[in-house]
Amino acid sequence: MTFSTLAILIVRSKLQESCHGLILNSNLGYDDDSLVVVGIDSSMTYVNLGPGADKAAFTLCNFVTLMVNGGSGTDIVSLITSTIRTFYQLNLH
């Protein structure tokens, strides 16, 4: 599936109570795509942005571990009023 914009809204969710984390392994396609995530509490989150000049924004989120694979292209990742304990990145240019 290819999205030009993908938004995920989870209000006051405690993902670590129901699972080990959130996996957003969605290859957003070859275009310039956007991903917006709001209101997630997660112990482990993995995001694969895929090729293209992609943007990802995390607002009001709490992460123990956030891993972002930017793929090819120039990417932007922003954390707005979010907390993160450990951040791993691969291919963020």
C-alpha atoms as a PDB file:
ATOM      1  CA  MET A   1       0.000   0.000   0.000  1.00  0.00           C
ATOM      2  CA  THR A   2       1.286   3.464  -0.842  1.00  0.00           C
ATOM      3  CA  PHE A   3       0.165   6.504   1.119  1.00  0.00           C
ATOM      4  CA  SER A   4       0.931  10.135   0.449  1.00  0.00           C
ATOM      5  CA  THR A   5       0.050  10.885   4.087  1.00  0.00           C
ATOM      6  CA  LEU A   6      -0.559   8.402   6.872  1.00  0.00           C
ATOM      7  CA  ALA A   7      -1.850   9.561  10.249  1.00  0.00           C
ATOM      8  CA  ILE A   8      -2.145   7.408  13.343  1.00  0.00           C
ATOM      9  CA  LEU A   9      -4.004   8.720  16.368  1.00  0.00           C
ATOM     10  CA  ILE A  10      -4.107   6.716  19.564  1.00  0.00           C
ATOM     11  CA  VAL A  11      -5.434   8.653  22.513  1.00  0.00           C
ATOM     12  CA  ARG A  12      -3.956   7.750  25.917  1.00  0.00           C
ATOM     13  CA  SER A  13      -2.922   4.293  24.745  1.00  0.00           C
ATOM     14  CA  LYS A  14      -0.617   2.119  26.816  1.00  0.00           C
ATOM     15  CA  LEU A  15       0.765  -0.256  24.195  1.00  0.00           C
ATOM     16  CA  GLN A  16       3.191  -1.891  26.605  1.00  0.00           C
ATOM     17  CA  GLU A  17       0.242  -3.289  28.561  1.00  0.00           C
ATOM     18  CA  SER A  18      -1.139  -5.184  25.570  1.00  0.00           C
ATOM     19  CA  CYS A  19       1.950  -5.897  23.458  1.00  0.00           C
ATOM     20  CA  HIS A  20       5.695  -5.341  23.364  1.00  0.00           C
ATOM     21  CA  GLY A  21       5.588  -2.385  21.026  1.00  0.00           C
ATOM     22  CA  LEU A  22       4.353  -0.747  17.898  1.00  0.00           C
ATOM     23  CA  ILE A  23       5.760  -1.776  14.529  1.00  0.00           C
ATOM     24  CA  LEU A  24       5.170   0.688  11.714  1.00  0.00           C
ATOM     25  CA  ASN A  25       6.943  -1.346   9.075  1.00  0.00           C
ATOM     26  CA  SER A  26       5.029   0.319   6.295  1.00  0.00           C
ATOM     27  CA  ASN A  27       7.172   1.046   3.277  1.00  0.00           C
ATOM     28  CA  LEU A  28       5.653   4.379   2.374  1.00  0.00           C
ATOM     29  CA  GLY A  29       6.470   3.960  -1.302  1.00  0.00           C
ATOM     30  CA  TYR A  30       8.766   5.767  -3.686  1.00  0.00           C
ATOM     31  CA  ASP A  31       7.226   9.212  -3.368  1.00  0.00           C
ATOM     32  CA  ASP A  32       7.699  11.925  -0.744  1.00  0.00           C
ATOM     33  CA  ASP A  33       5.435  10.703   2.043  1.00  0.00           C
ATOM     34  CA  SER A  34       4.434  11.811   5.540  1.00  0.00           C
ATOM     35  CA  LEU A  35       3.725   9.918   8.739  1.00  0.00           C
ATOM     36  CA  VAL A  36       2.107  11.532  11.801  1.00  0.00           C
ATOM     37  CA  VAL A  37       1.772   9.637  15.087  1.00  0.00           C
ATOM     38  CA  VAL A  38      -0.046  11.204  18.060  1.00  0.00           C
ATOM     39  CA  GLY A  39      -0.443  10.000  21.635  1.00  0.00           C
ATOM     40  CA  ILE A  40       1.452   6.691  21.835  1.00  0.00           C
ATOM     41  CA  ASP A  41       3.129   5.168  24.907  1.00  0.00           C
ATOM     42  CA  SER A  42       5.345   2.354  23.657  1.00  0.00           C
ATOM     43  CA  SER A  43       8.249   0.318  24.959  1.00  0.00           C
ATOM     44  CA  MET A  44       9.604  -0.415  21.451  1.00  0.00           C
ATOM     45  CA  THR A  45       8.681   1.296  18.172  1.00  0.00           C
ATOM     46  CA  TYR A  46      10.185   0.600  14.742  1.00  0.00           C
ATOM     47  CA  VAL A  47       9.447   2.832  11.742  1.00  0.00           C
ATOM     48  CA  ASN A  48      10.543   2.075   8.165  1.00  0.00           C
ATOM     49  CA  LEU A  49      10.040   5.193   6.058  1.00  0.00           C
ATOM     50  CA  GLY A  50      11.180   3.605   2.786  1.00  0.00           C
ATOM     51  CA  PRO A  51      12.607   5.416  -0.238  1.00  0.00           C
ATOM     52  CA  GLY A  52      11.869   9.051  -1.049  1.00  0.00           C
ATOM     53  CA  ALA A  53      12.064  12.312   0.889  1.00  0.00           C
ATOM     54  CA  ASP A  54       9.832  11.286   3.780  1.00  0.00           C
ATOM     55  CA  LYS A  55       8.732  13.104   6.927  1.00  0.00           C
ATOM     56  CA  ALA A  56       7.734  11.571  10.270  1.00  0.00           C
ATOM     57  CA  ALA A  57       6.330  13.512  13.230  1.00  0.00           C
ATOM     58  CA  PHE A  58       5.659  12.122  16.702  1.00  0.00           C
ATOM     59  CA  THR A  59       3.540  14.312  18.990  1.00  0.00           C
ATOM     60  CA  LEU A  60       2.625  13.633  22.635  1.00  0.00           C
ATOM     61  CA  CYS A  61       4.379  10.250  22.499  1.00  0.00           C
ATOM     62  CA  ASN A  62       6.487   8.410  25.072  1.00  0.00           C
ATOM     63  CA  PHE A  63       9.054   5.916  23.770  1.00  0.00           C
ATOM     64  CA  VAL A  64      11.445   3.704  25.659  1.00  0.00           C
ATOM     65  CA  THR A  65      13.130   2.734  22.373  1.00  0.00           C
ATOM     66  CA  LEU A  66      12.477   4.332  18.965  1.00  0.00           C
ATOM     67  CA  MET A  67      14.159   2.890  15.863  1.00  0.00           C
ATOM     68  CA  VAL A  68      13.811   4.721  12.536  1.00  0.00           C
ATOM     69  CA  ASN A  69      15.041   3.443   9.172  1.00  0.00           C
ATOM     70  CA  GLY A  70      14.981   6.312   6.717  1.00  0.00           C
ATOM     71  CA  GLY A  71      15.674   4.253   3.592  1.00  0.00           C
ATOM     72  CA  SER A  72      17.056   6.178   0.642  1.00  0.00           C
ATOM     73  CA  GLY A  73      16.387   9.871   0.128  1.00  0.00           C
ATOM     74  CA  THR A  74      16.377  12.861   2.459  1.00  0.00           C
ATOM     75  CA  ASP A  75      14.168  12.386   5.515  1.00  0.00           C
ATOM     76  CA  ILE A  76      12.963  14.520   8.428  1.00  0.00           C
ATOM     77  CA  VAL A  77      11.979  13.072  11.816  1.00  0.00           C
ATOM     78  CA  SER A  78      10.597  15.374  14.519  1.00  0.00           C
ATOM     79  CA  LEU A  79       9.546  14.655  18.088  1.00  0.00           C
ATOM     80  CA  ILE A  80       7.181  17.354  19.354  1.00  0.00           C
ATOM     81  CA  THR A  81       6.423  17.311  23.094  1.00  0.00           C
ATOM     82  CA  SER A  82       7.502  13.664  23.131  1.00  0.00           C
ATOM     83  CA  THR A  83       9.909  11.789  25.355  1.00  0.00           C
ATOM     84  CA  ILE A  84      12.380   9.176  24.201  1.00  0.00           C
ATOM     85  CA  ARG A  85      14.894   7.157  26.211  1.00  0.00           C
ATOM     86  CA  THR A  86      16.871   5.479  23.397  1.00  0.00           C
ATOM     87  CA  PHE A  87      16.948   6.439  19.694  1.00  0.00           C
ATOM     88  CA  TYR A  88      18.449   4.329  16.914  1.00  0.00           C
ATOM     89  CA  GLN A  89      18.574   5.535  13.344  1.00  0.00           C
ATOM     90  CA  LEU A  90      19.610   4.013  10.052  1.00  0.00           C
ATOM     91  CA  ASN A  91      19.824   5.809   6.703  1.00  0.00           C
ATOM     92  CA  LEU A  92      18.564   9.170   7.935  1.00  0.00           C
ATOM     93  CA  HIS A  93      20.102  11.711   5.539  1.00  0.00           C
END
